[in-house]
Amino acid sequence: MESAAQIGPSIHIKGQVFAQEPLTIAGHVTGTIDVTGHPLTVTDSGQIAADIVAHTIVIGGNVNGKLLADGRIVVNKTATFEGDLSAPAVSVHDGAVVQGRLEIAGRR
């Protein structure tokens, strides 16, 4: 199993995050996040105000921004999301708070 890079809960980043491996964020990121071709997970404690590009995006915390995924976006029940979601497949679990625009397009 491929391990993921991690941004811990006490870390605050302003700017651009670029990774060429799976990434898990439990901290705070403001800016842009690019993990093209790899999965991104935002844990329940994650606080994100950023535009995100990834293969798969799983949200468990608070995210505000534009999300673009080549694979899928999953909004877990603990998530609060505001912004635009765009992916070939999107799932929103019961209890999640989502406000914004949703576009399901592309290859599944």
C-alpha atoms as a PDB file:
ATOM      1  CA  MET A   1       0.000   0.000   0.000  1.00  0.00           C
ATOM      2  CA  GLU A   2       1.260   3.462  -0.925  1.00  0.00           C
ATOM      3  CA  SER A   3       1.832   5.757   2.065  1.00  0.00           C
ATOM      4  CA  ALA A   4       0.644   9.347   2.042  1.00  0.00           C
ATOM      5  CA  ALA A   5       2.463  12.554   2.912  1.00  0.00           C
ATOM      6  CA  GLN A   6       0.800  14.358   5.816  1.00  0.00           C
ATOM      7  CA  ILE A   7       0.192  17.916   6.943  1.00  0.00           C
ATOM      8  CA  GLY A   8      -0.515  17.597  10.668  1.00  0.00           C
ATOM      9  CA  PRO A   9      -3.171  19.389  12.732  1.00  0.00           C
ATOM     10  CA  SER A  10      -0.767  21.992  14.166  1.00  0.00           C
ATOM     11  CA  ILE A  11       0.561  23.055  10.744  1.00  0.00           C
ATOM     12  CA  HIS A  12      -0.662  26.253   9.016  1.00  0.00           C
ATOM     13  CA  ILE A  13       0.337  26.828   5.377  1.00  0.00           C
ATOM     14  CA  LYS A  14      -0.325  29.920   3.250  1.00  0.00           C
ATOM     15  CA  GLY A  15       0.623  29.548  -0.400  1.00  0.00           C
ATOM     16  CA  GLN A  16       0.924  26.711  -2.876  1.00  0.00           C
ATOM     17  CA  VAL A  17       1.107  23.046  -1.891  1.00  0.00           C
ATOM     18  CA  PHE A  18       2.357  20.753  -4.676  1.00  0.00           C
ATOM     19  CA  ALA A  19       2.804  17.000  -4.226  1.00  0.00           C
ATOM     20  CA  GLN A  20       3.504  14.070  -6.532  1.00  0.00           C
ATOM     21  CA  GLU A  21       2.232  11.522  -4.029  1.00  0.00           C
ATOM     22  CA  PRO A  22      -0.945  10.952  -1.996  1.00  0.00           C
ATOM     23  CA  LEU A  23      -1.526  13.702   0.577  1.00  0.00           C
ATOM     24  CA  THR A  24      -3.499  13.809   3.826  1.00  0.00           C
ATOM     25  CA  ILE A  25      -4.245  17.189   5.417  1.00  0.00           C
ATOM     26  CA  ALA A  26      -5.258  17.504   9.067  1.00  0.00           C
ATOM     27  CA  GLY A  27      -4.045  21.088   9.423  1.00  0.00           C
ATOM     28  CA  HIS A  28      -4.809  24.479   7.852  1.00  0.00           C
ATOM     29  CA  VAL A  29      -4.035  25.385   4.242  1.00  0.00           C
ATOM     30  CA  THR A  30      -4.847  28.665   2.488  1.00  0.00           C
ATOM     31  CA  GLY A  31      -3.930  29.044  -1.199  1.00  0.00           C
ATOM     32  CA  THR A  32      -3.761  26.242  -3.773  1.00  0.00           C
ATOM     33  CA  ILE A  33      -3.252  22.486  -3.521  1.00  0.00           C
ATOM     34  CA  ASP A  34      -2.091  20.461  -6.543  1.00  0.00           C
ATOM     35  CA  VAL A  35      -1.702  16.699  -6.234  1.00  0.00           C
ATOM     36  CA  THR A  36      -2.613  15.923  -9.856  1.00  0.00           C
ATOM     37  CA  GLY A  37      -2.874  12.183 -10.433  1.00  0.00           C
ATOM     38  CA  HIS A  38      -2.940  11.321  -6.719  1.00  0.00           C
ATOM     39  CA  PRO A  39      -5.546  11.210  -3.939  1.00  0.00           C
ATOM     40  CA  LEU A  40      -6.044  14.002  -1.408  1.00  0.00           C
ATOM     41  CA  THR A  41      -7.736  13.422   1.938  1.00  0.00           C
ATOM     42  CA  VAL A  42      -8.851  16.242   4.240  1.00  0.00           C
ATOM     43  CA  THR A  43      -9.423  14.804   7.726  1.00  0.00           C
ATOM     44  CA  ASP A  44     -12.140  15.907  10.149  1.00  0.00           C
ATOM     45  CA  SER A  45      -9.737  18.462  11.681  1.00  0.00           C
ATOM     46  CA  GLY A  46      -8.647  19.890   8.302  1.00  0.00           C
ATOM     47  CA  GLN A  47      -9.396  23.554   7.555  1.00  0.00           C
ATOM     48  CA  ILE A  48      -8.880  24.394   3.876  1.00  0.00           C
ATOM     49  CA  ALA A  49      -9.440  27.648   1.950  1.00  0.00           C
ATOM     50  CA  ALA A  50      -7.908  26.682  -1.381  1.00  0.00           C
ATOM     51  CA  ASP A  51      -8.463  25.597  -4.946  1.00  0.00           C
ATOM     52  CA  ILE A  52      -7.662  21.883  -5.199  1.00  0.00           C
ATOM     53  CA  VAL A  53      -6.664  19.628  -8.111  1.00  0.00           C
ATOM     54  CA  ALA A  54      -6.270  15.885  -7.456  1.00  0.00           C
ATOM     55  CA  HIS A  55      -7.271  12.491  -8.819  1.00  0.00           C
ATOM     56  CA  THR A  56      -9.541  11.718  -5.885  1.00  0.00           C
ATOM     57  CA  ILE A  57     -10.609  14.149  -3.154  1.00  0.00           C
ATOM     58  CA  VAL A  58     -12.091  12.975   0.156  1.00  0.00           C
ATOM     59  CA  ILE A  59     -13.368  15.714   2.479  1.00  0.00           C
ATOM     60  CA  GLY A  60     -13.944  15.193   6.192  1.00  0.00           C
ATOM     61  CA  GLY A  61     -13.310  18.721   7.527  1.00  0.00           C
ATOM     62  CA  ASN A  62     -14.044  22.287   6.422  1.00  0.00           C
ATOM     63  CA  VAL A  63     -13.191  23.160   2.812  1.00  0.00           C
ATOM     64  CA  ASN A  64     -13.847  26.363   0.904  1.00  0.00           C
ATOM     65  CA  GLY A  65     -12.757  26.639  -2.746  1.00  0.00           C
ATOM     66  CA  LYS A  66     -12.896  25.124  -6.204  1.00  0.00           C
ATOM     67  CA  LEU A  67     -12.300  21.366  -6.350  1.00  0.00           C
ATOM     68  CA  LEU A  68     -11.376  19.538  -9.553  1.00  0.00           C
ATOM     69  CA  ALA A  69     -10.892  15.762  -9.540  1.00  0.00           C
ATOM     70  CA  ASP A  70     -10.106  13.415 -12.438  1.00  0.00           C
ATOM     71  CA  GLY A  71     -11.617  10.469 -10.534  1.00  0.00           C
ATOM     72  CA  ARG A  72     -14.118  11.295  -7.808  1.00  0.00           C
ATOM     73  CA  ILE A  73     -14.981  13.593  -4.934  1.00  0.00           C
ATOM     74  CA  VAL A  74     -16.354  12.197  -1.672  1.00  0.00           C
ATOM     75  CA  VAL A  75     -17.924  14.543   0.895  1.00  0.00           C
ATOM     76  CA  ASN A  76     -18.131  12.669   4.203  1.00  0.00           C
ATOM     77  CA  LYS A  77     -20.811  13.287   6.842  1.00  0.00           C
ATOM     78  CA  THR A  78     -18.398  15.331   8.995  1.00  0.00           C
ATOM     79  CA  ALA A  79     -17.600  17.743   6.143  1.00  0.00           C
ATOM     80  CA  THR A  80     -18.615  21.321   5.514  1.00  0.00           C
ATOM     81  CA  PHE A  81     -17.957  22.470   1.960  1.00  0.00           C
ATOM     82  CA  GLU A  82     -18.531  25.784   0.206  1.00  0.00           C
ATOM     83  CA  GLY A  83     -17.531  26.356  -3.414  1.00  0.00           C
ATOM     84  CA  ASP A  84     -17.499  24.452  -6.704  1.00  0.00           C
ATOM     85  CA  LEU A  85     -17.102  20.685  -7.152  1.00  0.00           C
ATOM     86  CA  SER A  86     -16.190  19.186 -10.522  1.00  0.00           C
ATOM     87  CA  ALA A  87     -15.515  15.466 -11.118  1.00  0.00           C
ATOM     88  CA  PRO A  88     -16.814  12.476 -13.109  1.00  0.00           C
ATOM     89  CA  ALA A  89     -18.318  11.082  -9.867  1.00  0.00           C
ATOM     90  CA  VAL A  90     -19.388  12.883  -6.693  1.00  0.00           C
ATOM     91  CA  SER A  91     -20.869  11.397  -3.533  1.00  0.00           C
ATOM     92  CA  VAL A  92     -22.244  13.373  -0.600  1.00  0.00           C
ATOM     93  CA  HIS A  93     -22.930  11.466   2.611  1.00  0.00           C
ATOM     94  CA  ASP A  94     -25.927  12.190   4.845  1.00  0.00           C
ATOM     95  CA  GLY A  95     -25.060  14.906   7.363  1.00  0.00           C
ATOM     96  CA  ALA A  96     -22.567  16.729   5.131  1.00  0.00           C
ATOM     97  CA  VAL A  97     -23.094  20.451   4.566  1.00  0.00           C
ATOM     98  CA  VAL A  98     -22.555  21.481   0.943  1.00  0.00           C
ATOM     99  CA  GLN A  99     -23.149  24.931  -0.520  1.00  0.00           C
ATOM    100  CA  GLY A 100     -22.140  25.804  -4.051  1.00  0.00           C
ATOM    101  CA  ARG A 101     -22.099  24.458  -7.577  1.00  0.00           C
ATOM    102  CA  LEU A 102     -21.720  20.819  -8.557  1.00  0.00           C
ATOM    103  CA  GLU A 103     -20.584  19.632 -11.990  1.00  0.00           C
ATOM    104  CA  ILE A 104     -20.443  15.948 -12.790  1.00  0.00           C
ATOM    105  CA  ALA A 105     -18.574  15.663 -16.072  1.00  0.00           C
ATOM    106  CA  GLY A 106     -15.749  13.711 -17.634  1.00  0.00           C
ATOM    107  CA  ARG A 107     -14.875  10.044 -17.913  1.00  0.00           C
ATOM    108  CA  ARG A 108     -15.946   7.677 -15.171  1.00  0.00           C
END
